[in-house]
Structures are given as structure tokens and as C-alpha cells.
Amino acid sequence: MKTHLITTAAFVLLTVFGHAQVVSGVAINDDATPADASSMLDVKSNTKGLLTPRMTTAERQAIVLAATGLLVFDTDSLTFWFFNGAGWIELGGGGLGGYWIGNGADISNSNAGNVGIGTASPLAPLHIKNELEALRIEGTTPFLSFYDNNNTTLKAFVQNYNNDLYLGTPATNTDGKMEFYLGNVPVMTIQPSGNVGIGTQSPYSKLMMETPYNTSGWYHVGRNGTDSIVVGEGIGGVSAALGTTTEHAFRLTAGALGRVQIYPTGDVVVGPNSSGSFGKFSVVTLNNSYGISHLGEGGNILATRMGGTSAGIGTFSPTNMRIFSGGNSCILIAEATGNVGIGTDNPTYKLSVNGTIRAKELRINTGWADYVFAKDYALMPLAKVESFIKTNQHLPGIAPATKLKKEGVGVSEMQTKMMAKIEELTLYMIEANKTIEVLKQRLEAVEKSNH
């Protein structure tokens, strides 16, 4: 019976492959099922397989004029091989042979060369060539991981987490940094500390940018139709700049409000956006509040203050106020007394002037000397005045020249004393005139008696 089946199968194969006129397939099975319409030979069995020619590697390679598509089983490599018209191609491993090696549910490739997908000339261990999507990773939180050479420590990763993309180093890598290159030159570095460097690999602040001199670092351009506002910064050889590069104001804000405005004219306003400028530098405040202040060591304060009906500038600490010119202190207001010194740092009066004063008029509030005309005023006899002058070399009641030269002249006091002397002189003249009138009358009487 066995011989009959083999003879019958051989006859069928010879009939099928020996006559080109056959257009239907041949079925070999146990249940008389016809061949599939797409197959010339349809072999079906639940208990047996199909054996192809088996040979050693040497026998396979010795086949002369192998046909394209020829299939054999290599008993040395325990894999199937087919001839593609130019050479033999291994189809895969059977057992532990070939490039693909099984390890339980895992599989690995032992190929020492490169693997190409879409290319016959791979230049890397895995080389994918495709004009559209080349690689797809699917999942809710899929990621690519990068380990050390011992495959023990995670060094970096790329992950799609829901709708987010993560790129960086994990907690197991506390020393690694991220660098971005262009033209094989590092253009941005992120240190493990979180410091970001642009143009530098050693940033020592949260954001550090390094450029050559006389170049710009960054720009921010705002557009509204054809109008553009540009703010940027730049570093020069001896200076740095930050501001607008268009004809627009540059504004510093705090609490979402404009606090400092620099206008294209160069005017600077410290205050609300709506405030205009008055000169190159303006400070806008509420009434009864400070404007410009200078805080020095030891708590010294120089400031301006605007009131409802007045304005002031001065010190707001236990400090003298000075006004300088040419680097020299010209006016001093003493904090302790309020005395004002011009040309002197030690004013002992409300106004002390070390120099000459010239004015069209000087009005002084003072007392006066009309007490000289009082009936009880004791007018010094002229003889005593003469004796006093001879002895003291100055008028009675008037300080000597040496004292006045040393201490100065009190204008108000001196004016009063001088008026007193004038009034005394007037009284002396009145008394002298009375005496003269008496003597004149006596002289006239004598002259009449002689005639």
C-alpha cells in the first residue's frame, strides 16, 4: 500500500509539473479536499509535514546553476536557505542555529553586522530608511531608555507621557548634563543643577548667555499688523544695553503695572504709565510722599518730598545738608540748629556768611533807641564822655574795635546803639543851642549898653 501511495504521488507531481496545460491545482490530503484556487500544489495534513531536500552546507554551495527561488534545508546550520539569483539567503533558525536565537519568550539576533530596514546597505546596527513614518512606538507612557555599558544604570530617556514629551536624565543620573549641538558645536547646555547655558557649557546662573562683544543676545518681537515693537539686549566692549530697538517706550513693570518708563526721546519717568515727563528725569508720586532718595551708610538719607502746596529736598536723618559746586561745599544747613552757612561749615547764626553780601536793600527787624528821648533818660555829661573816650578810645556803650573784629558786628544791635548816639548827639546839640541863645542875648544886651 505504501509503495502504491508513493507511486501515485510521484505520478501526480510528474503530471502537474510535466505538462504546462494543467491549469488547476493539485491537492494532497486525507479528506479529498480540492486544492485552493490560488495554489498549484495544496498539501494538507494534521499529522505530517513537508520535507524539502536536505544537504550539508558544502553540498548546498556545490549546486550548479541553482535556480532563483530554489529552497533547501542546510543540515549544518539547521536553517532553510533559498537562492535569490545572486546568492544563498538564510531564512531563519531552526533550534539554536542562524542569527535569531530563542531564549524562552525572548529572541535575540547574533548577527555581527548591521541590520537594514528599507535599505540593503545598513551603516549602523539598526538602519531604517523610509520617506514617511520610519518607527512607531505605541502606548500611554512609552519611552526609550539609555543605559550604561553594563546595562545596570539608566542614564537618559525619551518618554511620551500622556500628552507630554519628557527628555532628559533620570534620578539615577545626578551628574549628567544635556547638550544641544549644531554643526557639531554645543549651542545650549543644561547642567544637573538646572542652570541653562546658551553659548556656554558652564552656566553659573539659572540662565546664562555668552556671545562675542558687540553682538545681540536675545530679541522679543511683538507685531500688530505692520507695526512691530522689538525689545532686546546686547553686549559691547565696555558696556551693555537692554531696551527697545524701535521707536517705542521701554517700560519696567512691577505688580503688572508700569513703574519706570524710558521714552524714545531719552526722558525717564518713575511713576504710572499715564504720567508725562518734565525734563529728562521725572518722579511722579502722591502728595506728601517721598520721591527721589539716596540712602548712605549709617542710615543717612537724602530725599525729595512733595507736599500739597510746597516741595522740598534735603536730609531726612540726623545729617547736615550740603550744597556743592565744583566739588566744594558752598552751602551748609546744620541739622542740629537749622543754621545756614555760606562759605562756612560752622554756622553759629541762622545765616552765617564767610564773604561779602551785596543787596539793593536789607530789612532787619530790631528794637530802636527812642528811649533816649524819655524824661528820665540819664544823658552822660560831655565832660564824662570826653574823659571816657580819652581813657577807652571808643564811645561809651559801643564795643571796642578789637572785640568787633573778633566777634563781628551785630547789625541790629549796632543800628540801635548808633541811633542812640545820634539821638544823644541831638540832645547835646539842643542843649548847646540853648546855651548859645542865652549867650547871644547877653551879648546883644552888652552891645546896646555900650551905645
Protein backbone atom coordinates (compact mmCIF):
# COMPACT_ATOMS: atom_id res chain seq x y z
CA MET A 1 0.00 0.00 0.00
CA LYS A 2 2.86 2.41 0.94
CA THR A 3 4.52 1.80 -2.39
CA HIS A 4 1.28 2.47 -4.15
CA LEU A 5 0.86 5.87 -2.44
CA ILE A 6 4.38 6.98 -3.30
CA THR A 7 3.95 5.88 -6.88
CA THR A 8 0.65 7.70 -7.12
CA ALA A 9 2.12 10.93 -5.60
CA ALA A 10 5.04 10.79 -7.97
CA PHE A 11 2.71 10.31 -10.87
CA VAL A 12 0.65 13.31 -9.77
CA LEU A 13 3.72 15.53 -9.40
CA LEU A 14 5.01 14.49 -12.80
CA THR A 15 1.64 15.16 -14.30
CA VAL A 16 1.33 18.59 -12.68
CA PHE A 17 4.83 19.85 -13.31
CA GLY A 18 5.47 17.99 -16.55
CA HIS A 19 2.59 19.36 -18.55
CA ALA A 20 2.08 23.08 -18.94
CA GLN A 21 -1.51 22.51 -19.96
CA VAL A 22 -2.64 21.86 -16.36
CA VAL A 23 -4.43 24.96 -15.07
CA SER A 24 -5.96 23.66 -11.83
CA GLY A 25 -4.07 22.88 -8.61
CA VAL A 26 -3.27 19.52 -7.15
CA ALA A 27 -4.37 18.63 -3.60
CA ILE A 28 -2.60 16.10 -1.39
CA ASN A 29 -4.65 15.34 1.72
CA ASP A 30 -6.59 12.69 3.59
CA ASP A 31 -10.11 14.20 3.22
CA ALA A 32 -10.37 14.68 -0.59
CA THR A 33 -10.48 18.48 -0.20
CA PRO A 34 -9.79 20.19 -3.55
CA ALA A 35 -6.73 22.41 -3.92
CA ASP A 36 -7.06 26.07 -3.08
CA ALA A 37 -7.71 28.12 -6.21
CA SER A 38 -4.60 30.19 -5.61
CA SER A 39 -2.27 27.21 -5.26
CA MET A 40 -0.80 24.87 -7.84
CA LEU A 41 0.00 22.37 -5.05
CA ASP A 42 -2.01 22.27 -1.81
CA VAL A 43 -0.67 19.86 0.82
CA LYS A 44 -2.81 19.37 3.90
CA SER A 45 -2.21 17.22 6.97
CA ASN A 46 -2.71 17.34 10.73
CA THR A 47 -0.08 14.72 11.48
CA LYS A 48 2.67 15.08 8.89
CA GLY A 49 4.83 17.78 7.30
CA LEU A 50 6.62 18.56 4.05
CA LEU A 51 10.26 17.65 3.64
CA THR A 52 12.45 19.70 1.33
CA PRO A 53 15.82 18.45 0.08
CA ARG A 54 18.32 18.20 2.99
CA MET A 55 22.05 18.63 2.50
CA THR A 56 25.20 19.92 4.09
CA THR A 57 26.50 23.42 3.56
CA ALA A 58 29.14 22.14 1.18
CA GLU A 59 26.58 20.22 -0.84
CA ARG A 60 24.29 23.28 -1.00
CA GLN A 61 27.08 25.54 -2.18
CA ALA A 62 28.13 22.92 -4.77
CA ILE A 63 24.79 23.02 -6.59
CA VAL A 64 25.46 24.07 -10.19
CA LEU A 65 23.27 26.71 -11.83
CA ALA A 66 20.91 26.96 -8.87
CA ALA A 67 17.54 28.33 -9.93
CA THR A 68 16.21 31.55 -8.44
CA GLY A 69 13.85 30.58 -5.63
CA LEU A 70 15.47 27.17 -5.05
CA LEU A 71 14.79 26.09 -1.45
CA VAL A 72 16.84 23.60 0.60
CA PHE A 73 17.43 22.74 4.26
CA ASP A 74 21.05 23.05 5.46
CA THR A 75 21.82 20.29 7.94
CA ASP A 76 24.91 22.09 9.21
CA SER A 77 23.22 25.40 10.12
CA LEU A 78 19.84 23.73 10.69
CA THR A 79 18.16 26.53 8.71
CA PHE A 80 16.35 26.97 5.45
CA TRP A 81 18.18 28.65 2.57
CA PHE A 82 16.91 29.98 -0.73
CA PHE A 83 18.75 31.17 -3.82
CA ASN A 84 17.82 34.74 -4.84
CA GLY A 85 19.54 34.59 -8.21
CA ALA A 86 22.78 36.06 -6.90
CA GLY A 87 23.49 34.08 -3.76
CA TRP A 88 22.14 31.96 -0.96
CA ILE A 89 19.99 33.68 1.72
CA GLU A 90 19.35 32.16 5.13
CA LEU A 91 15.68 32.24 6.09
CA GLY A 92 15.97 31.72 9.82
CA GLY A 93 17.00 29.49 12.64
CA GLY A 94 15.75 26.06 13.44
CA GLY A 95 16.61 25.33 17.06
CA LEU A 96 19.70 27.34 18.06
CA GLY A 97 21.12 27.88 14.55
CA GLY A 98 21.04 31.07 12.42
CA TYR A 99 21.05 34.72 13.50
CA TRP A 100 17.86 34.63 15.57
CA ILE A 101 18.30 32.87 18.89
CA GLY A 102 15.40 31.97 21.17
CA ASN A 103 15.53 32.23 24.96
CA GLY A 104 12.18 31.36 26.40
CA ALA A 105 9.79 34.10 25.35
CA ASP A 106 12.75 36.31 24.27
CA ILE A 107 14.59 36.35 20.96
CA SER A 108 17.91 37.92 20.03
CA ASN A 109 19.96 38.35 16.89
CA SER A 110 23.52 37.10 16.74
CA ASN A 111 24.35 38.91 13.51
CA ALA A 112 27.74 40.58 13.90
CA GLY A 113 26.96 43.03 11.09
CA ASN A 114 24.29 45.72 10.63
CA VAL A 115 20.58 45.26 10.14
CA GLY A 116 18.85 47.30 7.46
CA ILE A 117 15.15 48.01 7.16
CA GLY A 118 14.35 49.64 3.84
CA THR A 119 18.00 49.53 2.83
CA ALA A 120 20.34 46.76 1.65
CA SER A 121 23.41 48.69 2.85
CA PRO A 122 22.91 49.36 6.55
CA LEU A 123 25.56 51.58 8.09
CA ALA A 124 24.58 51.11 11.73
CA PRO A 125 23.48 48.19 13.91
CA LEU A 126 19.92 49.22 13.02
CA HIS A 127 19.47 51.30 9.88
CA ILE A 128 15.95 52.33 8.90
CA LYS A 129 15.26 54.07 5.61
CA ASN A 130 11.82 55.38 4.78
CA GLU A 131 10.41 58.59 3.37
CA LEU A 132 7.42 58.59 5.73
CA GLU A 133 6.97 57.31 9.26
CA ALA A 134 10.01 55.12 9.95
CA LEU A 135 9.41 53.99 13.53
CA ARG A 136 6.33 53.93 15.71
CA ILE A 137 6.23 53.44 19.48
CA GLU A 138 2.73 53.00 20.83
CA GLY A 139 1.47 53.24 24.39
CA THR A 140 0.12 55.56 27.08
CA THR A 141 3.56 56.29 28.59
CA PRO A 142 6.11 54.65 26.25
CA PHE A 143 9.75 55.62 26.47
CA LEU A 144 13.21 54.96 25.08
CA SER A 145 15.87 54.33 27.71
CA PHE A 146 19.66 54.69 27.57
CA TYR A 147 21.76 52.54 29.94
CA ASP A 148 25.44 52.32 30.78
CA ASN A 149 27.66 49.74 29.12
CA ASN A 150 26.93 47.23 31.88
CA ASN A 151 23.18 47.59 31.35
CA THR A 152 22.72 48.34 35.07
CA THR A 153 22.18 52.11 35.38
CA LEU A 154 19.65 54.22 33.49
CA LYS A 155 21.44 57.29 32.11
CA ALA A 156 18.85 59.09 29.95
CA PHE A 157 15.41 58.66 28.46
CA VAL A 158 12.86 60.00 25.98
CA GLN A 159 9.24 59.47 27.01
CA ASN A 160 5.77 60.29 25.80
CA TYR A 161 3.73 60.62 28.99
CA ASN A 162 0.07 61.01 28.02
CA ASN A 163 0.15 64.29 26.04
CA ASP A 164 3.58 65.38 27.25
CA LEU A 165 7.09 64.71 25.97
CA TYR A 166 9.87 64.12 28.51
CA LEU A 167 13.53 64.28 27.54
CA GLY A 168 16.41 64.20 29.96
CA THR A 169 18.26 62.33 32.68
CA PRO A 170 16.60 60.26 35.42
CA ALA A 171 17.13 60.29 39.18
CA THR A 172 19.81 57.60 38.79
CA ASN A 173 22.00 60.08 36.89
CA THR A 174 22.75 63.10 39.07
CA ASP A 175 25.93 64.21 37.26
CA GLY A 176 24.84 64.12 33.64
CA LYS A 177 24.10 67.24 31.63
CA MET A 178 22.13 67.82 28.44
CA GLU A 179 23.75 69.45 25.44
CA PHE A 180 22.32 70.55 22.10
CA TYR A 181 24.65 70.74 19.10
CA LEU A 182 24.58 72.48 15.71
CA GLY A 183 27.37 71.78 13.24
CA ASN A 184 28.95 69.59 15.93
CA VAL A 185 29.27 72.68 18.13
CA PRO A 186 27.47 72.85 21.51
CA VAL A 187 24.93 75.69 21.42
CA MET A 188 22.94 75.01 24.60
CA THR A 189 23.78 73.19 27.83
CA ILE A 190 21.59 72.22 30.78
CA GLN A 191 23.62 71.43 33.88
CA PRO A 192 22.50 68.94 36.59
CA SER A 193 21.82 71.99 38.80
CA GLY A 194 19.21 73.18 36.30
CA ASN A 195 21.38 76.07 35.08
CA VAL A 196 20.92 76.69 31.36
CA GLY A 197 23.76 77.98 29.23
CA ILE A 198 23.39 79.35 25.71
CA GLY A 199 26.77 79.74 24.05
CA THR A 200 28.49 78.41 27.17
CA GLN A 201 28.89 74.94 28.64
CA SER A 202 29.49 76.24 32.17
CA PRO A 203 26.49 78.38 33.19
CA TYR A 204 26.64 79.60 36.80
CA SER A 205 23.10 81.00 36.95
CA LYS A 206 19.65 79.71 36.03
CA LEU A 207 20.01 81.26 32.56
CA MET A 208 23.36 82.38 31.19
CA MET A 209 24.08 83.55 27.66
CA GLU A 210 27.56 84.06 26.24
CA THR A 211 28.28 85.89 22.96
CA PRO A 212 31.21 87.77 21.45
CA TYR A 213 31.47 91.52 22.06
CA ASN A 214 29.21 93.84 20.07
CA THR A 215 26.56 91.21 19.42
CA SER A 216 22.96 90.82 20.50
CA GLY A 217 21.87 88.11 22.86
CA TRP A 218 18.08 87.88 22.52
CA TYR A 219 15.14 89.72 20.95
CA HIS A 220 11.41 89.71 21.62
CA VAL A 221 9.32 91.00 18.71
CA GLY A 222 5.68 91.94 19.12
CA ARG A 223 3.63 92.52 15.97
CA ASN A 224 0.31 94.21 15.32
CA GLY A 225 -0.23 94.26 11.59
CA THR A 226 2.67 96.18 10.11
CA ASP A 227 3.74 97.69 13.43
CA SER A 228 6.45 95.92 15.41
CA ILE A 229 7.84 96.50 18.88
CA VAL A 230 11.27 94.99 19.48
CA VAL A 231 12.98 94.64 22.85
CA GLY A 232 16.43 93.12 23.16
CA GLU A 233 19.83 93.27 24.74
CA GLY A 234 23.42 93.44 23.62
CA ILE A 235 26.98 93.41 24.95
CA GLY A 236 29.60 95.89 23.79
CA GLY A 237 33.28 96.12 24.51
CA VAL A 238 32.86 98.43 27.52
CA SER A 239 29.10 98.48 28.10
CA ALA A 240 25.86 96.52 27.96
CA ALA A 241 22.38 97.54 26.78
CA LEU A 242 18.79 96.48 27.38
CA GLY A 243 15.77 98.13 25.81
CA THR A 244 13.71 98.68 22.69
CA THR A 245 15.29 98.90 19.26
CA THR A 246 12.21 100.55 17.76
CA GLU A 247 10.61 103.95 18.38
CA HIS A 248 8.67 102.73 21.41
CA ALA A 249 8.93 103.33 25.13
CA PHE A 250 10.78 100.83 27.28
CA ARG A 251 8.85 100.04 30.44
CA LEU A 252 9.75 98.28 33.68
CA THR A 253 6.76 96.79 35.47
CA ALA A 254 6.02 95.51 38.97
CA GLY A 255 2.70 94.11 40.11
CA ALA A 256 1.57 94.16 36.47
CA LEU A 257 1.85 97.98 36.45
CA GLY A 258 4.32 100.21 34.65
CA ARG A 259 6.72 101.66 37.22
CA VAL A 260 9.54 103.09 35.08
CA GLN A 261 9.16 104.45 31.54
CA ILE A 262 12.03 105.33 29.22
CA TYR A 263 10.77 107.17 26.15
CA PRO A 264 12.48 107.29 22.72
CA THR A 265 13.48 110.91 23.49
CA GLY A 266 15.53 109.64 26.43
CA ASP A 267 13.14 111.05 29.04
CA VAL A 268 12.78 108.83 32.11
CA VAL A 269 9.63 108.78 34.22
CA VAL A 270 9.33 106.91 37.50
CA GLY A 271 5.62 106.51 38.08
CA PRO A 272 2.42 105.41 36.34
CA ASN A 273 2.25 104.77 32.59
CA SER A 274 -0.06 107.74 32.06
CA SER A 275 2.36 110.26 33.57
CA GLY A 276 4.15 112.57 31.19
CA SER A 277 7.76 113.67 31.52
CA PHE A 278 9.04 117.01 32.75
CA GLY A 279 12.64 117.08 31.73
CA LYS A 280 14.97 114.15 31.33
CA PHE A 281 14.12 112.59 34.69
CA SER A 282 10.74 112.79 36.39
CA VAL A 283 9.35 111.14 39.51
CA VAL A 284 5.58 111.03 39.96
CA THR A 285 4.17 110.49 43.46
CA LEU A 286 1.15 111.31 45.55
CA ASN A 287 1.23 114.48 47.65
CA ASN A 288 3.01 114.29 51.00
CA SER A 289 5.25 111.46 49.91
CA TYR A 290 8.91 110.97 49.10
CA GLY A 291 10.24 110.97 45.55
CA ILE A 292 14.00 110.57 45.00
CA SER A 293 16.10 109.26 47.86
CA HIS A 294 19.75 108.42 48.41
CA LEU A 295 20.50 106.04 51.29
CA GLY A 296 24.02 106.16 52.65
CA GLU A 297 25.95 104.22 55.26
CA GLY A 298 24.90 104.75 58.83
CA GLY A 299 21.30 105.49 57.85
CA ASN A 300 21.97 108.81 56.10
CA ILE A 301 19.05 109.78 53.86
CA LEU A 302 18.87 112.47 51.19
CA ALA A 303 15.45 112.74 49.56
CA THR A 304 12.84 114.88 47.88
CA ARG A 305 9.33 115.30 49.22
CA MET A 306 6.27 116.76 47.55
CA GLY A 307 3.50 118.35 49.61
CA GLY A 308 0.14 119.75 48.63
CA THR A 309 1.39 123.36 48.40
CA SER A 310 5.15 123.02 48.64
CA ALA A 311 8.10 120.82 47.77
CA GLY A 312 11.42 120.13 49.41
CA ILE A 313 14.78 118.45 49.15
CA GLY A 314 17.10 117.65 51.99
CA THR A 315 18.19 115.13 54.59
CA PHE A 316 15.69 113.02 56.46
CA SER A 317 18.15 111.73 59.04
CA PRO A 318 20.38 113.38 61.68
CA THR A 319 22.66 114.66 58.96
CA ASN A 320 23.74 118.11 57.81
CA MET A 321 22.60 119.19 54.37
CA ARG A 322 25.21 120.47 51.94
CA ILE A 323 25.03 122.08 48.51
CA PHE A 324 28.13 121.61 46.39
CA SER A 325 29.60 123.45 43.43
CA GLY A 326 32.73 122.34 41.62
CA GLY A 327 33.17 119.62 44.22
CA ASN A 328 33.24 122.19 47.03
CA SER A 329 30.72 122.57 49.83
CA CYS A 330 29.21 126.01 49.29
CA ILE A 331 26.13 125.97 51.50
CA LEU A 332 25.58 124.00 54.69
CA ILE A 333 22.37 123.63 56.67
CA ALA A 334 23.13 122.39 60.18
CA GLU A 335 20.84 119.54 61.21
CA ALA A 336 21.00 120.37 64.93
CA THR A 337 20.20 124.11 64.75
CA GLY A 338 18.86 124.78 61.26
CA ASN A 339 21.56 127.43 60.87
CA VAL A 340 22.67 128.12 57.31
CA GLY A 341 26.31 128.64 56.47
CA ILE A 342 27.55 130.11 53.19
CA GLY A 343 31.26 129.59 52.82
CA THR A 344 31.46 128.10 56.30
CA ASP A 345 30.81 124.63 57.74
CA ASN A 346 30.15 126.01 61.24
CA PRO A 347 27.24 128.43 61.10
CA THR A 348 26.62 129.90 64.57
CA TYR A 349 23.70 132.05 63.45
CA LYS A 350 20.62 131.41 61.37
CA LEU A 351 22.68 132.73 58.46
CA SER A 352 26.45 132.77 58.62
CA VAL A 353 28.26 134.13 55.58
CA ASN A 354 32.00 133.93 55.15
CA GLY A 355 32.24 136.62 52.49
CA THR A 356 30.67 139.77 51.17
CA ILE A 357 26.95 140.29 50.78
CA ARG A 358 25.62 142.75 48.24
CA ALA A 359 21.97 143.70 48.12
CA LYS A 360 19.76 146.56 46.99
CA GLU A 361 18.10 146.65 50.35
CA LEU A 362 18.44 144.93 53.70
CA ARG A 363 15.50 145.00 56.08
CA ILE A 364 16.10 143.96 59.67
CA ASN A 365 13.55 143.63 62.43
CA THR A 366 15.09 145.26 65.51
CA GLY A 367 14.42 147.46 68.53
CA TRP A 368 15.01 151.23 68.40
CA ALA A 369 16.65 153.97 70.52
CA ASP A 370 13.77 156.39 71.18
CA TYR A 371 14.22 155.65 74.87
CA VAL A 372 16.94 158.34 74.72
CA PHE A 373 14.19 160.99 74.50
CA ALA A 374 12.50 159.77 77.67
CA LYS A 375 12.43 162.40 80.52
CA ASP A 376 14.17 160.03 82.92
CA TYR A 377 16.98 159.14 80.49
CA ALA A 378 20.34 159.86 82.10
CA LEU A 379 22.33 161.69 79.42
CA MET A 380 26.03 161.46 80.18
CA PRO A 381 27.63 164.91 80.52
CA LEU A 382 30.04 165.70 77.71
CA ALA A 383 32.89 166.05 80.13
CA LYS A 384 32.43 162.47 81.22
CA VAL A 385 32.13 161.44 77.57
CA GLU A 386 35.40 163.16 76.84
CA SER A 387 37.06 161.52 79.80
CA PHE A 388 35.70 158.06 78.77
CA ILE A 389 36.96 158.47 75.21
CA LYS A 390 40.40 159.51 76.39
CA THR A 391 40.56 156.51 78.66
CA ASN A 392 38.96 153.76 76.45
CA GLN A 393 39.45 155.04 72.91
CA HIS A 394 35.81 154.35 71.96
CA LEU A 395 32.36 155.72 72.64
CA PRO A 396 30.52 154.72 75.79
CA GLY A 397 28.07 151.83 75.12
CA ILE A 398 29.89 150.83 71.91
CA ALA A 399 32.14 147.73 71.89
CA PRO A 400 35.80 148.33 71.13
CA ALA A 401 37.18 147.59 67.67
CA THR A 402 39.16 144.58 68.87
CA LYS A 403 36.01 142.83 70.06
CA LEU A 404 34.02 143.72 66.97
CA LYS A 405 36.81 142.47 64.75
CA LYS A 406 36.88 139.16 66.58
CA GLU A 407 33.16 138.57 67.10
CA GLY A 408 31.67 140.58 64.26
CA VAL A 409 29.09 143.33 64.36
CA GLY A 410 25.51 142.63 65.27
CA VAL A 411 23.77 144.81 62.69
CA SER A 412 20.52 145.11 64.58
CA GLU A 413 22.23 145.89 67.89
CA MET A 414 24.71 148.26 66.29
CA GLN A 415 21.98 150.10 64.41
CA THR A 416 20.14 150.63 67.68
CA LYS A 417 23.26 151.83 69.50
CA MET A 418 24.27 154.11 66.67
CA MET A 419 20.75 155.61 66.64
CA ALA A 420 21.05 156.08 70.39
CA LYS A 421 24.32 158.00 69.85
CA ILE A 422 22.68 160.10 67.15
CA GLU A 423 19.77 160.89 69.45
CA GLU A 424 22.19 161.69 72.32
CA LEU A 425 24.12 163.91 69.92
CA THR A 426 20.84 165.63 69.03
CA LEU A 427 20.15 166.28 72.73
CA TYR A 428 23.68 167.66 73.18
CA MET A 429 23.13 169.99 70.23
CA ILE A 430 19.81 171.14 71.63
CA GLU A 431 21.43 171.94 75.00
CA ALA A 432 24.32 173.62 73.24
CA ASN A 433 21.91 175.68 71.13
CA LYS A 434 20.08 176.83 74.28
CA THR A 435 23.36 177.94 75.79
CA ILE A 436 24.27 179.73 72.58
CA GLU A 437 20.93 181.58 72.55
CA VAL A 438 21.43 182.72 76.16
CA LEU A 439 24.94 183.93 75.40
CA LYS A 440 23.68 185.63 72.24
CA GLN A 441 21.04 187.56 74.20
CA ARG A 442 23.62 188.63 76.78
CA LEU A 443 25.96 189.78 74.03
CA GLU A 444 23.23 191.85 72.42
CA ALA A 445 22.38 193.47 75.77
CA VAL A 446 26.05 194.40 76.33
CA GLU A 447 26.32 195.89 72.89
CA LYS A 448 23.19 198.06 73.45
CA SER A 449 24.50 199.37 76.76
CA ASN A 450 27.75 200.49 75.12
CA HIS A 451 25.91 202.66 72.64
